[in-house]
Protein backbone atom coordinates (compact mmCIF):
# COMPACT_ATOMS: atom_id res chain seq x y z
CA MET A 1 0.00 0.00 0.00
CA ALA A 2 1.27 3.47 -0.88
CA LYS A 3 1.76 6.20 1.68
CA PRO A 4 -1.30 8.45 2.08
CA ILE A 5 -0.93 11.70 0.15
CA ASP A 6 -0.52 14.81 2.27
CA LEU A 7 -0.68 18.56 1.58
CA ASP A 8 2.89 18.58 0.30
CA GLY A 9 1.93 15.83 -2.14
CA PHE A 10 -1.08 17.80 -3.41
CA GLU A 11 1.05 20.94 -3.69
CA ALA A 12 3.62 19.05 -5.77
CA MET A 13 0.87 17.69 -8.04
CA PHE A 14 -0.55 21.14 -8.79
CA ALA A 15 2.92 22.62 -9.24
CA ALA A 16 3.63 19.96 -11.88
CA ASP A 17 0.23 20.13 -13.60
CA PRO A 18 -2.51 22.76 -13.09
CA ASP A 19 -5.16 20.12 -13.83
CA PRO A 20 -3.76 16.79 -12.55
CA TRP A 21 -7.10 14.94 -12.79
CA GLY A 22 -8.32 16.51 -16.02
CA TYR A 23 -11.17 18.39 -14.33
CA ALA A 24 -11.57 20.73 -17.31
CA ALA A 25 -11.53 18.25 -20.22
CA SER A 26 -12.35 14.77 -18.87
CA PRO A 27 -15.83 13.42 -19.76
CA PHE A 28 -15.80 11.50 -16.46
CA GLU A 29 -15.09 14.70 -14.51
CA ARG A 30 -17.91 16.49 -16.37
CA PHE A 31 -20.22 13.57 -15.46
CA LYS A 32 -19.21 13.85 -11.79
CA ARG A 33 -19.79 17.61 -11.88
CA ARG A 34 -23.30 17.03 -13.32
CA ILE A 35 -24.12 14.60 -10.49
CA LEU A 36 -22.64 17.03 -7.95
CA MET A 37 -24.87 19.83 -9.24
CA GLU A 38 -27.92 17.54 -9.16
CA ALA A 39 -27.11 16.96 -5.49
CA VAL A 40 -26.78 20.71 -4.91
CA GLY A 41 -30.30 21.13 -6.30
CA THR A 42 -32.11 23.92 -8.05
CA ARG A 43 -32.35 26.55 -5.33
CA MET A 44 -30.10 29.57 -4.89
CA TYR A 45 -28.08 29.59 -1.65
CA GLY A 46 -26.92 32.57 0.35
CA ARG A 47 -23.60 31.57 1.88
CA GLY A 48 -21.79 28.57 0.38
CA LEU A 49 -18.64 26.68 1.33
CA GLU A 50 -16.60 24.41 -0.93
CA LEU A 51 -13.89 22.31 0.71
CA ALA A 52 -10.87 21.15 -1.32
CA CYS A 53 -11.66 23.35 -4.32
CA ALA A 54 -8.51 22.26 -6.19
CA ASN A 55 -8.13 24.27 -9.42
CA GLY A 56 -11.59 25.86 -9.21
CA GLU A 57 -13.47 23.95 -11.93
CA ASN A 58 -16.28 22.98 -9.54
CA SER A 59 -16.11 26.43 -7.93
CA ALA A 60 -17.12 27.99 -11.23
CA VAL A 61 -20.44 26.12 -11.30
CA LEU A 62 -21.01 26.29 -7.54
CA GLY A 63 -20.51 30.06 -7.67
CA SER A 64 -23.58 30.32 -9.87
CA LYS A 65 -25.68 28.74 -7.09
CA CYS A 66 -24.49 30.93 -4.19
CA LEU A 67 -24.67 34.65 -3.48
CA ARG A 68 -21.28 34.20 -1.79
CA LEU A 69 -19.02 31.16 -2.02
CA LEU A 70 -15.96 30.54 0.14
CA ALA A 71 -13.73 27.98 -1.59
CA LEU A 72 -10.92 26.45 0.48
CA ASP A 73 -7.88 24.37 -0.33
CA GLY A 74 -4.63 23.48 1.41
CA SER A 75 -2.47 23.92 -1.70
CA PRO A 76 -1.34 27.50 -2.41
CA THR A 77 -0.65 26.58 -6.04
CA ALA A 78 -4.13 25.10 -6.52
CA LEU A 79 -5.64 28.24 -4.98
CA ALA A 80 -3.69 30.49 -7.34
CA ILE A 81 -4.95 28.46 -10.30
CA ALA A 82 -8.53 28.55 -8.94
CA ARG A 83 -8.41 32.32 -8.38
CA ASP A 84 -7.16 32.87 -11.91
CA ARG A 85 -9.78 30.47 -13.33
CA ASN A 86 -12.57 32.38 -11.53
CA ARG A 87 -11.20 35.95 -11.59
CA ALA A 88 -14.34 37.24 -13.33
CA THR A 89 -16.61 35.93 -10.54
CA PRO A 90 -16.34 38.29 -7.55
CA ARG A 91 -18.86 36.34 -5.49
CA ILE A 92 -16.25 33.56 -5.00
CA ARG A 93 -13.55 34.06 -2.37
CA PHE A 94 -10.65 31.62 -2.18
CA ALA A 95 -8.70 30.94 1.01
CA GLU A 96 -6.04 28.54 2.21
CA ALA A 97 -7.05 26.16 5.00
CA VAL A 98 -5.70 22.98 6.52
CA LEU A 99 -8.52 20.75 7.74
CA PRO A 100 -9.97 19.96 10.16
CA GLY A 101 -8.36 22.82 12.14
CA GLY A 102 -9.05 25.41 9.44
CA MET A 103 -12.74 24.56 9.07
CA PRO A 104 -14.76 27.80 9.19
CA ARG A 105 -17.54 27.92 11.78
CA GLY A 106 -20.47 28.83 9.58
CA PRO A 107 -23.36 28.85 9.34
CA PHE A 108 -23.42 28.00 5.65
CA ASP A 109 -26.53 27.44 3.56
CA LEU A 110 -24.62 25.06 1.28
CA ILE A 111 -21.50 23.02 2.02
CA VAL A 112 -19.89 20.88 -0.68
CA VAL A 113 -17.40 18.17 0.34
CA SER A 114 -16.20 16.43 -2.80
CA GLU A 115 -13.42 13.85 -2.84
CA LEU A 116 -11.84 15.01 0.39
CA LEU A 117 -12.66 13.05 3.53
CA TYR A 118 -10.63 9.94 2.67
CA TYR A 119 -7.52 12.13 2.67
CA ILE A 120 -8.14 13.04 6.32
CA ALA A 121 -6.55 10.77 8.91
CA PRO A 122 -8.98 8.51 10.80
CA ASN A 123 -8.37 10.29 14.12
CA ASP A 124 -9.30 13.65 12.50
CA LEU A 125 -12.34 12.35 10.58
CA GLN A 126 -14.76 12.50 13.52
CA VAL A 127 -13.57 16.02 14.36
CA MET A 128 -14.13 17.05 10.74
CA LEU A 129 -17.62 15.55 10.61
CA ALA A 130 -18.62 17.26 13.87
CA ARG A 131 -17.42 20.61 12.52
CA LEU A 132 -19.30 20.05 9.27
CA ARG A 133 -22.53 19.24 11.15
CA ALA A 134 -22.18 22.38 13.23
CA ALA A 135 -21.54 24.57 10.17
CA VAL A 136 -24.76 23.71 8.29
CA ALA A 137 -27.35 26.47 8.69
CA ALA A 138 -30.95 25.72 9.60
CA GLY A 139 -32.61 24.82 6.31
CA GLY A 140 -29.16 24.33 4.75
CA ARG A 141 -27.78 21.48 2.66
CA ILE A 142 -24.49 19.60 2.79
CA VAL A 143 -23.39 17.58 -0.23
CA PHE A 144 -20.85 14.76 -0.19
CA LEU A 145 -19.39 13.19 -3.32
CA HIS A 146 -16.76 10.50 -2.82
CA HIS A 147 -15.38 7.43 -4.55
CA PHE A 148 -16.22 4.21 -2.72
CA LEU A 149 -13.48 1.99 -4.17
CA ASP A 150 -10.22 1.73 -2.23
CA PHE A 151 -7.15 3.45 -3.61
CA ASP A 152 -3.54 3.53 -2.51
CA ASP A 153 -3.00 7.09 -1.28
CA ALA A 154 -6.10 7.42 0.94
CA ALA A 155 -5.52 8.03 4.65
CA THR A 156 -8.92 6.48 5.51
CA PRO A 157 -10.58 3.74 3.45
CA PRO A 158 -13.47 5.18 1.40
CA ALA A 159 -15.99 2.64 2.78
CA LEU A 160 -15.22 3.76 6.33
CA VAL A 161 -15.65 7.39 5.31
CA ALA A 162 -19.08 6.64 3.80
CA GLU A 163 -20.19 4.84 6.99
CA ALA A 164 -18.94 7.70 9.18
CA VAL A 165 -20.79 10.29 7.06
CA GLU A 166 -24.04 8.33 7.27
CA ARG A 167 -23.72 8.00 11.07
CA ALA A 168 -22.82 11.67 11.54
CA PHE A 169 -25.82 12.94 9.57
CA ALA A 170 -28.42 10.33 10.63
CA ALA A 171 -29.99 12.56 13.31
CA GLY A 172 -31.17 16.11 12.67
CA PHE A 173 -30.85 15.82 8.89
CA ARG A 174 -32.84 14.17 6.11
CA VAL A 175 -31.53 12.81 2.84
CA GLY A 176 -32.40 15.26 0.05
CA TYR A 177 -30.57 13.48 -2.75
CA ARG A 178 -28.71 10.21 -3.25
CA ALA A 179 -27.01 8.71 -6.30
CA ARG A 180 -24.62 5.81 -6.69
CA THR A 181 -22.60 5.23 -9.83
CA GLY A 182 -20.13 2.48 -10.57
CA ARG A 183 -17.33 4.46 -8.90
CA PHE A 184 -18.69 7.14 -6.59
CA ASP A 185 -21.59 8.10 -4.36
CA ALA A 186 -23.27 11.48 -4.02
CA VAL A 187 -25.55 12.30 -1.10
CA ALA A 188 -27.10 15.53 0.12
CA PHE A 189 -28.36 16.01 3.66
CA ASP A 190 -30.79 18.80 4.55
CA ARG A 191 -30.95 20.27 8.05
């Protein structure tokens, strides 16, 4: 098994390639983005939060659904790329944050957590989930999109992440959307 990737690893990836997963051109990434936006829903949100925004491809579409969107990432290079990608959209603010410690308090009307939680160490996962629960505004929505197949550089196995998310949002939230594909799950919980 490979060593879990850390912030230095993500920083090196974005320094070597501004789009290491092909977010802009990949048909699979466009498909994931469509599912993500289905999970977000049709309403307009006031204050939104995107965790692990990477190079800002998802931020561009999420920004159209929020009056204000705070997009966070731990990689300064990814944030620079995301800011440049979205420079014409003043409603999106980008900021560097290391999670779970850098999780903003909220409340947020929309929180999007896409392909992130399995990179958080198991001992920090429960802390992260508690902070996410606390940050969802009354009437707000939180969206998770994560792969469910194991992969080598995850700090926490994806199946364990999915179980932890379901447990954390079982009380006080209702499922507003759920989709499962051959590789990833998307679920939205409404407070």
